Amino acid sequence: MKHFGTTLSLMAFVLLLISCGEKKNNPTSTSTSTKKESTSIVTLANIGLTSTPVDSNDFKVWKRKWETDGVSYMNGPALPSGLARMTYFDVPKDDLTALLALNPSHTRFYLGLKTVPVSNEVPTGLKPHLFLIGTDANGVLDMSHIYDYTSACPPDCTK
């Protein structure tokens, strides 16, 4: 947990570098001013991406849950032996590519908490999520393209 802030900052920096890279003429990208949801989803399929946006209502509920319970989740009582609180998120390349293919002016990352049944794998009953959302030049969120195919470690840790 002591490296969470550093890890999150590093992830944001890497994604900033990716999004600031040289712009190429990409006939599959759409500008924010002409983008339509159905066209954008079809465009993603045309370039071979399978990421599907998260429902905006789920995003709002889970984001609000993080805002109200995030600190208590991170600072809660000790977990059973061998378990740790979230230390990083694994973000698949397709999710980043899907978001950047929509040509957002900026990209935001939000934390969320989903209430799930208490189990040996999730003893807190709360599962953290990291949402990726593009914005237009005015900072307006693209609520039709919220990506959350992230896996928090633990329990989903890569070796």
N, C-alpha and C. Protein backbone atom coordinates (compact mmCIF):
# COMPACT_ATOMS: atom_id res chain seq x y z
N MET A 1 0.81 -1.18 0.00
CA MET A 1 0.00 0.00 0.00
C MET A 1 0.86 1.25 0.00
N LYS A 2 2.08 1.17 0.56
CA LYS A 2 2.88 2.37 0.65
C LYS A 2 3.34 2.86 -0.71
N HIS A 3 3.22 2.06 -1.77
CA HIS A 3 3.63 2.47 -3.11
C HIS A 3 2.44 2.79 -3.99
N PHE A 4 1.23 2.80 -3.47
CA PHE A 4 0.03 3.04 -4.28
C PHE A 4 0.08 4.39 -4.97
N GLY A 5 0.40 5.45 -4.25
CA GLY A 5 0.45 6.79 -4.84
C GLY A 5 1.50 6.88 -5.93
N THR A 6 2.66 6.29 -5.68
CA THR A 6 3.73 6.30 -6.67
C THR A 6 3.33 5.52 -7.91
N THR A 7 2.72 4.35 -7.71
CA THR A 7 2.30 3.52 -8.82
C THR A 7 1.25 4.23 -9.66
N LEU A 8 0.25 4.83 -9.01
CA LEU A 8 -0.81 5.52 -9.73
C LEU A 8 -0.25 6.71 -10.49
N SER A 9 0.68 7.45 -9.89
CA SER A 9 1.30 8.59 -10.56
C SER A 9 2.10 8.14 -11.77
N LEU A 10 2.85 7.06 -11.64
CA LEU A 10 3.64 6.54 -12.74
C LEU A 10 2.75 6.10 -13.88
N MET A 11 1.65 5.41 -13.56
CA MET A 11 0.70 4.98 -14.58
C MET A 11 0.15 6.18 -15.34
N ALA A 12 -0.24 7.21 -14.62
CA ALA A 12 -0.79 8.41 -15.25
C ALA A 12 0.25 9.06 -16.16
N PHE A 13 1.51 9.11 -15.72
CA PHE A 13 2.58 9.70 -16.52
C PHE A 13 2.79 8.92 -17.81
N VAL A 14 2.84 7.59 -17.72
CA VAL A 14 3.04 6.75 -18.91
C VAL A 14 1.89 6.97 -19.89
N LEU A 15 0.68 7.01 -19.39
CA LEU A 15 -0.46 7.23 -20.28
C LEU A 15 -0.44 8.62 -20.89
N LEU A 16 0.04 9.59 -20.16
CA LEU A 16 0.19 10.94 -20.70
C LEU A 16 1.17 10.92 -21.86
N LEU A 17 2.29 10.23 -21.69
CA LEU A 17 3.26 10.14 -22.77
C LEU A 17 2.68 9.45 -23.99
N ILE A 18 1.91 8.40 -23.77
CA ILE A 18 1.28 7.69 -24.88
C ILE A 18 0.31 8.62 -25.61
N SER A 19 -0.51 9.34 -24.86
CA SER A 19 -1.53 10.18 -25.49
C SER A 19 -0.93 11.42 -26.14
N CYS A 20 0.28 11.82 -25.76
CA CYS A 20 0.92 13.00 -26.35
C CYS A 20 1.80 12.64 -27.52
N GLY A 21 1.85 11.38 -27.89
CA GLY A 21 2.69 10.95 -28.99
C GLY A 21 2.28 11.59 -30.30
N GLU A 22 3.09 11.38 -31.33
CA GLU A 22 2.84 11.97 -32.64
C GLU A 22 1.49 11.52 -33.17
N LYS A 23 0.69 12.46 -33.64
CA LYS A 23 -0.62 12.16 -34.21
C LYS A 23 -0.41 11.68 -35.63
N LYS A 24 -1.02 10.56 -35.97
CA LYS A 24 -0.92 10.02 -37.31
C LYS A 24 -2.29 10.11 -37.95
N ASN A 25 -2.30 10.18 -39.27
CA ASN A 25 -3.57 10.17 -39.98
C ASN A 25 -4.15 8.78 -39.84
N ASN A 26 -5.22 8.67 -39.10
CA ASN A 26 -5.85 7.39 -38.85
C ASN A 26 -7.29 7.49 -39.28
N PRO A 27 -7.65 6.85 -40.39
CA PRO A 27 -9.01 6.97 -40.89
C PRO A 27 -10.04 6.37 -39.95
N THR A 28 -9.62 5.55 -38.97
CA THR A 28 -10.59 4.96 -38.06
C THR A 28 -10.88 5.84 -36.87
N SER A 29 -10.06 6.88 -36.63
CA SER A 29 -10.30 7.79 -35.51
C SER A 29 -11.36 8.80 -35.89
N THR A 30 -12.11 9.26 -34.87
CA THR A 30 -13.10 10.29 -35.11
C THR A 30 -12.80 11.45 -34.20
N SER A 31 -13.09 12.66 -34.65
CA SER A 31 -12.86 13.82 -33.79
C SER A 31 -14.01 13.94 -32.82
N THR A 32 -13.78 14.61 -31.69
CA THR A 32 -14.82 14.76 -30.69
C THR A 32 -16.00 15.54 -31.23
N SER A 33 -15.78 16.44 -32.18
CA SER A 33 -16.88 17.26 -32.66
C SER A 33 -17.80 16.48 -33.59
N THR A 34 -17.33 15.41 -34.22
CA THR A 34 -18.17 14.65 -35.14
C THR A 34 -18.48 13.26 -34.64
N LYS A 35 -18.00 12.90 -33.48
CA LYS A 35 -18.14 11.55 -32.96
C LYS A 35 -19.58 11.24 -32.59
N LYS A 36 -20.04 10.07 -32.97
CA LYS A 36 -21.34 9.56 -32.55
C LYS A 36 -21.08 8.22 -31.90
N GLU A 37 -21.87 7.92 -30.87
CA GLU A 37 -21.61 6.69 -30.11
C GLU A 37 -21.61 5.46 -31.02
N SER A 38 -22.63 5.28 -31.86
CA SER A 38 -22.71 4.08 -32.68
C SER A 38 -21.53 4.01 -33.65
N THR A 39 -21.12 5.13 -34.22
CA THR A 39 -19.99 5.16 -35.12
C THR A 39 -18.71 4.79 -34.38
N SER A 40 -18.54 5.31 -33.17
CA SER A 40 -17.33 5.03 -32.41
C SER A 40 -17.21 3.55 -32.06
N ILE A 41 -18.31 2.93 -31.65
CA ILE A 41 -18.28 1.50 -31.31
C ILE A 41 -17.94 0.69 -32.55
N VAL A 42 -18.56 1.01 -33.69
CA VAL A 42 -18.26 0.31 -34.94
C VAL A 42 -16.81 0.52 -35.32
N THR A 43 -16.31 1.75 -35.16
CA THR A 43 -14.92 2.04 -35.48
C THR A 43 -13.98 1.17 -34.66
N LEU A 44 -14.26 1.01 -33.38
CA LEU A 44 -13.41 0.17 -32.53
C LEU A 44 -13.41 -1.26 -33.04
N ALA A 45 -14.57 -1.78 -33.42
CA ALA A 45 -14.66 -3.14 -33.94
C ALA A 45 -13.87 -3.26 -35.24
N ASN A 46 -13.91 -2.22 -36.06
CA ASN A 46 -13.20 -2.25 -37.34
C ASN A 46 -11.70 -2.36 -37.17
N ILE A 47 -11.17 -1.85 -36.08
CA ILE A 47 -9.72 -1.95 -35.88
C ILE A 47 -9.35 -3.11 -34.96
N GLY A 48 -10.32 -4.00 -34.73
CA GLY A 48 -10.04 -5.25 -34.01
C GLY A 48 -10.05 -5.16 -32.51
N LEU A 49 -10.65 -4.13 -31.92
CA LEU A 49 -10.70 -4.01 -30.47
C LEU A 49 -12.02 -4.55 -29.93
N THR A 50 -11.95 -5.22 -28.81
CA THR A 50 -13.15 -5.84 -28.25
C THR A 50 -13.62 -5.18 -26.97
N SER A 51 -12.98 -4.11 -26.54
CA SER A 51 -13.37 -3.43 -25.30
C SER A 51 -14.77 -2.85 -25.44
N THR A 52 -15.57 -3.04 -24.41
CA THR A 52 -16.92 -2.51 -24.38
C THR A 52 -17.03 -1.51 -23.24
N PRO A 53 -17.61 -0.34 -23.50
CA PRO A 53 -17.72 0.67 -22.43
C PRO A 53 -18.57 0.19 -21.26
N VAL A 54 -18.30 0.74 -20.08
CA VAL A 54 -19.05 0.45 -18.87
C VAL A 54 -20.29 1.35 -18.84
N ASP A 55 -21.36 0.86 -18.28
CA ASP A 55 -22.58 1.65 -18.14
C ASP A 55 -22.30 2.88 -17.27
N SER A 56 -22.77 4.05 -17.71
CA SER A 56 -22.48 5.29 -16.97
C SER A 56 -23.09 5.28 -15.57
N ASN A 57 -24.22 4.58 -15.38
CA ASN A 57 -24.81 4.50 -14.03
C ASN A 57 -23.93 3.70 -13.09
N ASP A 58 -23.35 2.59 -13.56
CA ASP A 58 -22.41 1.82 -12.73
C ASP A 58 -21.22 2.70 -12.36
N PHE A 59 -20.69 3.42 -13.35
CA PHE A 59 -19.57 4.32 -13.08
C PHE A 59 -19.91 5.30 -11.98
N LYS A 60 -21.06 5.95 -12.06
CA LYS A 60 -21.44 6.96 -11.07
C LYS A 60 -21.57 6.35 -9.67
N VAL A 61 -22.20 5.17 -9.57
CA VAL A 61 -22.39 4.51 -8.27
C VAL A 61 -21.04 4.10 -7.68
N TRP A 62 -20.18 3.48 -8.47
CA TRP A 62 -18.89 2.99 -7.96
C TRP A 62 -17.96 4.15 -7.63
N LYS A 63 -17.99 5.21 -8.42
CA LYS A 63 -17.17 6.40 -8.15
C LYS A 63 -17.61 7.03 -6.83
N ARG A 64 -18.92 7.17 -6.65
CA ARG A 64 -19.45 7.74 -5.41
C ARG A 64 -19.07 6.86 -4.21
N LYS A 65 -19.10 5.55 -4.38
CA LYS A 65 -18.72 4.63 -3.31
C LYS A 65 -17.25 4.84 -2.92
N TRP A 66 -16.37 5.07 -3.91
CA TRP A 66 -14.96 5.35 -3.59
C TRP A 66 -14.85 6.65 -2.81
N GLU A 67 -15.60 7.66 -3.24
CA GLU A 67 -15.53 8.97 -2.58
C GLU A 67 -15.97 8.89 -1.13
N THR A 68 -16.95 8.04 -0.84
CA THR A 68 -17.45 7.94 0.54
C THR A 68 -16.71 6.90 1.38
N ASP A 69 -16.25 5.80 0.75
CA ASP A 69 -15.68 4.69 1.52
C ASP A 69 -14.23 4.35 1.17
N GLY A 70 -13.63 5.08 0.24
CA GLY A 70 -12.28 4.74 -0.21
C GLY A 70 -11.24 4.78 0.90
N VAL A 71 -11.27 5.81 1.71
CA VAL A 71 -10.28 5.94 2.78
C VAL A 71 -10.44 4.81 3.80
N SER A 72 -11.68 4.51 4.19
CA SER A 72 -11.89 3.43 5.16
C SER A 72 -11.53 2.07 4.55
N TYR A 73 -11.75 1.91 3.24
CA TYR A 73 -11.36 0.67 2.57
C TYR A 73 -9.83 0.51 2.64
N MET A 74 -9.11 1.56 2.29
CA MET A 74 -7.65 1.47 2.26
C MET A 74 -7.03 1.37 3.67
N ASN A 75 -7.68 1.98 4.66
CA ASN A 75 -7.13 1.99 6.02
C ASN A 75 -7.84 1.03 6.96
N GLY A 76 -8.64 0.13 6.41
CA GLY A 76 -9.45 -0.78 7.23
C GLY A 76 -8.62 -1.74 8.06
N PRO A 77 -9.30 -2.56 8.83
CA PRO A 77 -8.60 -3.52 9.69
C PRO A 77 -7.77 -4.51 8.87
N ALA A 78 -6.82 -5.13 9.52
CA ALA A 78 -5.95 -6.10 8.86
C ALA A 78 -6.78 -7.20 8.20
N LEU A 79 -6.32 -7.62 7.04
CA LEU A 79 -6.98 -8.70 6.31
C LEU A 79 -6.40 -10.04 6.76
N PRO A 80 -7.10 -11.14 6.48
CA PRO A 80 -6.57 -12.46 6.84
C PRO A 80 -5.17 -12.67 6.26
N SER A 81 -4.41 -13.51 6.91
CA SER A 81 -3.04 -13.80 6.51
C SER A 81 -2.95 -14.12 5.03
N GLY A 82 -1.94 -13.54 4.38
CA GLY A 82 -1.71 -13.81 2.97
C GLY A 82 -2.45 -12.87 2.03
N LEU A 83 -3.35 -12.05 2.54
CA LEU A 83 -4.09 -11.12 1.69
C LEU A 83 -3.60 -9.70 1.94
N ALA A 84 -3.66 -8.90 0.91
CA ALA A 84 -3.24 -7.50 1.02
C ALA A 84 -4.30 -6.63 0.34
N ARG A 85 -4.30 -5.36 0.68
CA ARG A 85 -5.17 -4.41 -0.01
C ARG A 85 -4.61 -4.18 -1.42
N MET A 86 -5.40 -3.54 -2.23
CA MET A 86 -5.02 -3.24 -3.60
C MET A 86 -3.66 -2.56 -3.65
N THR A 87 -2.78 -3.03 -4.55
CA THR A 87 -1.47 -2.41 -4.72
C THR A 87 -1.28 -1.85 -6.12
N TYR A 88 -1.97 -2.41 -7.12
CA TYR A 88 -1.90 -1.87 -8.47
C TYR A 88 -3.09 -2.33 -9.28
N PHE A 89 -3.27 -1.72 -10.45
CA PHE A 89 -4.28 -2.14 -11.42
C PHE A 89 -3.57 -2.61 -12.66
N ASP A 90 -4.07 -3.68 -13.26
CA ASP A 90 -3.56 -4.18 -14.53
C ASP A 90 -4.53 -3.70 -15.61
N VAL A 91 -4.05 -2.86 -16.52
CA VAL A 91 -4.91 -2.29 -17.57
C VAL A 91 -4.50 -2.92 -18.90
N PRO A 92 -5.41 -3.68 -19.53
CA PRO A 92 -5.09 -4.29 -20.82
C PRO A 92 -4.82 -3.23 -21.90
N LYS A 93 -3.90 -3.54 -22.78
CA LYS A 93 -3.54 -2.63 -23.86
C LYS A 93 -4.75 -2.26 -24.72
N ASP A 94 -5.65 -3.20 -24.97
CA ASP A 94 -6.84 -2.92 -25.78
C ASP A 94 -7.69 -1.81 -25.18
N ASP A 95 -7.76 -1.73 -23.85
CA ASP A 95 -8.55 -0.68 -23.21
C ASP A 95 -7.95 0.70 -23.46
N LEU A 96 -6.63 0.79 -23.35
CA LEU A 96 -5.97 2.06 -23.62
C LEU A 96 -6.10 2.44 -25.09
N THR A 97 -5.90 1.46 -25.96
CA THR A 97 -5.99 1.70 -27.40
C THR A 97 -7.40 2.12 -27.78
N ALA A 98 -8.41 1.47 -27.19
CA ALA A 98 -9.80 1.81 -27.50
C ALA A 98 -10.10 3.24 -27.10
N LEU A 99 -9.65 3.63 -25.94
CA LEU A 99 -9.90 5.00 -25.48
C LEU A 99 -9.18 6.01 -26.36
N LEU A 100 -7.92 5.78 -26.65
CA LEU A 100 -7.15 6.72 -27.46
C LEU A 100 -7.61 6.75 -28.91
N ALA A 101 -8.20 5.64 -29.40
CA ALA A 101 -8.73 5.61 -30.78
C ALA A 101 -9.90 6.58 -30.94
N LEU A 102 -10.54 6.94 -29.84
CA LEU A 102 -11.66 7.89 -29.90
C LEU A 102 -11.17 9.33 -29.96
N ASN A 103 -9.85 9.51 -29.89
CA ASN A 103 -9.20 10.81 -30.00
C ASN A 103 -9.70 11.83 -28.97
N PRO A 104 -9.66 11.48 -27.68
CA PRO A 104 -10.09 12.45 -26.67
C PRO A 104 -9.08 13.59 -26.55
N SER A 105 -9.55 14.73 -26.12
CA SER A 105 -8.67 15.86 -25.88
C SER A 105 -7.79 15.58 -24.65
N HIS A 106 -8.38 14.97 -23.62
CA HIS A 106 -7.70 14.58 -22.39
C HIS A 106 -8.24 13.23 -21.95
N THR A 107 -7.53 12.60 -21.02
CA THR A 107 -7.98 11.33 -20.46
C THR A 107 -7.97 11.47 -18.94
N ARG A 108 -9.04 11.01 -18.31
CA ARG A 108 -9.11 11.03 -16.85
C ARG A 108 -9.20 9.61 -16.31
N PHE A 109 -8.68 9.47 -15.09
CA PHE A 109 -8.74 8.20 -14.39
C PHE A 109 -9.49 8.44 -13.09
N TYR A 110 -10.48 7.60 -12.81
CA TYR A 110 -11.25 7.70 -11.58
C TYR A 110 -11.18 6.36 -10.86
N LEU A 111 -11.18 6.43 -9.53
CA LEU A 111 -11.26 5.22 -8.72
C LEU A 111 -12.71 4.97 -8.34
N GLY A 112 -13.07 3.70 -8.22
CA GLY A 112 -14.41 3.33 -7.79
C GLY A 112 -14.36 2.09 -6.93
N LEU A 113 -15.41 1.88 -6.15
CA LEU A 113 -15.54 0.67 -5.33
C LEU A 113 -16.87 0.02 -5.64
N LYS A 114 -16.83 -1.26 -5.96
CA LYS A 114 -18.04 -2.02 -6.22
C LYS A 114 -18.31 -2.92 -5.02
N THR A 115 -19.54 -2.91 -4.53
CA THR A 115 -19.92 -3.80 -3.44
C THR A 115 -20.17 -5.18 -4.02
N VAL A 116 -19.48 -6.18 -3.48
CA VAL A 116 -19.60 -7.57 -3.92
C VAL A 116 -19.78 -8.45 -2.69
N PRO A 117 -20.24 -9.68 -2.88
CA PRO A 117 -20.36 -10.57 -1.72
C PRO A 117 -19.01 -10.80 -1.04
N VAL A 118 -19.02 -10.83 0.27
CA VAL A 118 -17.81 -11.12 1.04
C VAL A 118 -17.41 -12.57 0.75
N SER A 119 -16.12 -12.78 0.50
CA SER A 119 -15.61 -14.12 0.22
C SER A 119 -14.18 -14.20 0.72
N ASN A 120 -13.58 -15.38 0.62
CA ASN A 120 -12.17 -15.52 0.99
C ASN A 120 -11.29 -14.64 0.11
N GLU A 121 -11.68 -14.49 -1.17
CA GLU A 121 -10.90 -13.69 -2.12
C GLU A 121 -11.11 -12.19 -1.91
N VAL A 122 -12.33 -11.80 -1.49
CA VAL A 122 -12.66 -10.38 -1.28
C VAL A 122 -13.28 -10.24 0.12
N PRO A 123 -12.44 -10.30 1.17
CA PRO A 123 -12.96 -10.30 2.54
C PRO A 123 -13.60 -8.97 2.96
N THR A 124 -13.33 -7.89 2.25
CA THR A 124 -13.92 -6.60 2.60
C THR A 124 -15.30 -6.40 1.98
N GLY A 125 -15.65 -7.20 0.97
CA GLY A 125 -16.90 -7.01 0.25
C GLY A 125 -16.86 -5.81 -0.68
N LEU A 126 -15.67 -5.26 -0.90
CA LEU A 126 -15.49 -4.11 -1.79
C LEU A 126 -14.40 -4.42 -2.80
N LYS A 127 -14.71 -4.21 -4.08
CA LYS A 127 -13.73 -4.47 -5.13
C LYS A 127 -13.38 -3.16 -5.82
N PRO A 128 -12.09 -2.75 -5.79
CA PRO A 128 -11.69 -1.48 -6.41
C PRO A 128 -11.67 -1.56 -7.93
N HIS A 129 -11.97 -0.43 -8.57
CA HIS A 129 -11.96 -0.31 -10.02
C HIS A 129 -11.24 0.97 -10.41
N LEU A 130 -10.63 0.96 -11.58
CA LEU A 130 -10.00 2.14 -12.15
C LEU A 130 -10.69 2.40 -13.48
N PHE A 131 -11.34 3.56 -13.60
CA PHE A 131 -12.07 3.92 -14.80
C PHE A 131 -11.22 4.82 -15.67
N LEU A 132 -11.26 4.63 -16.98
CA LEU A 132 -10.57 5.46 -17.95
C LEU A 132 -11.65 6.14 -18.79
N ILE A 133 -11.60 7.49 -18.84
CA ILE A 133 -12.63 8.25 -19.55
C ILE A 133 -11.97 9.38 -20.32
N GLY A 134 -12.37 9.55 -21.57
CA GLY A 134 -11.89 10.66 -22.38
C GLY A 134 -12.75 11.89 -22.16
N THR A 135 -12.17 13.06 -22.42
CA THR A 135 -12.92 14.31 -22.34
C THR A 135 -12.71 15.10 -23.62
N ASP A 136 -13.61 16.06 -23.85
CA ASP A 136 -13.41 16.99 -24.96
C ASP A 136 -12.52 18.14 -24.49
N ALA A 137 -12.29 19.11 -25.36
CA ALA A 137 -11.40 20.23 -25.03
C ALA A 137 -11.90 21.07 -23.86
N ASN A 138 -13.22 20.99 -23.58
CA ASN A 138 -13.80 21.75 -22.47
C ASN A 138 -13.84 20.96 -21.17
N GLY A 139 -13.30 19.74 -21.18
CA GLY A 139 -13.28 18.91 -19.97
C GLY A 139 -14.56 18.13 -19.74
N VAL A 140 -15.46 18.08 -20.73
CA VAL A 140 -16.71 17.34 -20.60
C VAL A 140 -16.42 15.85 -20.80
N LEU A 141 -16.83 15.04 -19.83
CA LEU A 141 -16.60 13.60 -19.89
C LEU A 141 -17.41 12.96 -21.01
N ASP A 142 -16.80 12.00 -21.70
CA ASP A 142 -17.48 11.22 -22.72
C ASP A 142 -18.14 10.03 -22.01
N MET A 143 -19.34 10.24 -21.49
CA MET A 143 -20.02 9.23 -20.66
C MET A 143 -20.44 7.99 -21.45
N SER A 144 -20.33 8.02 -22.77
CA SER A 144 -20.68 6.83 -23.55
C SER A 144 -19.48 5.92 -23.76
N HIS A 145 -18.30 6.35 -23.30
CA HIS A 145 -17.09 5.54 -23.46
C HIS A 145 -16.28 5.54 -22.17
N ILE A 146 -16.78 4.80 -21.17
CA ILE A 146 -16.11 4.65 -19.88
C ILE A 146 -15.53 3.24 -19.86
N TYR A 147 -14.22 3.13 -19.70
CA TYR A 147 -13.60 1.81 -19.74
C TYR A 147 -13.16 1.38 -18.35
N ASP A 148 -13.53 0.14 -18.01
CA ASP A 148 -13.16 -0.45 -16.73
C ASP A 148 -12.95 -1.95 -16.91
N TYR A 149 -11.96 -2.28 -17.65
CA TYR A 149 -11.61 -3.69 -17.76
C TYR A 149 -10.29 -3.89 -17.05
N THR A 150 -10.18 -3.22 -15.93
CA THR A 150 -8.98 -3.28 -15.12
C THR A 150 -9.13 -4.36 -14.07
N SER A 151 -8.05 -4.91 -13.68
CA SER A 151 -8.04 -5.91 -12.61
C SER A 151 -7.16 -5.37 -11.49
N ALA A 152 -7.71 -5.34 -10.30
CA ALA A 152 -6.94 -4.86 -9.14
C ALA A 152 -6.12 -6.02 -8.58
N CYS A 153 -4.94 -5.71 -8.14
CA CYS A 153 -4.10 -6.70 -7.45
C CYS A 153 -3.97 -6.26 -6.00
N PRO A 154 -4.31 -7.13 -5.07
CA PRO A 154 -4.98 -8.41 -5.25
C PRO A 154 -6.48 -8.23 -5.52
N PRO A 155 -7.16 -9.22 -5.95
CA PRO A 155 -6.77 -10.63 -6.04
C PRO A 155 -6.15 -11.01 -7.37
N ASP A 156 -6.26 -10.19 -8.42
CA ASP A 156 -5.78 -10.56 -9.75
C ASP A 156 -4.38 -10.04 -9.98
N CYS A 157 -3.39 -10.76 -9.46
CA CYS A 157 -1.99 -10.33 -9.56
C CYS A 157 -1.26 -11.16 -10.61
N THR A 158 -0.48 -10.48 -11.45
CA THR A 158 0.34 -11.20 -12.41
C THR A 158 1.65 -11.55 -11.74
N LYS A 159 2.21 -12.61 -12.17
CA LYS A 159 3.48 -13.09 -11.56
C LYS A 159 4.65 -12.37 -12.17
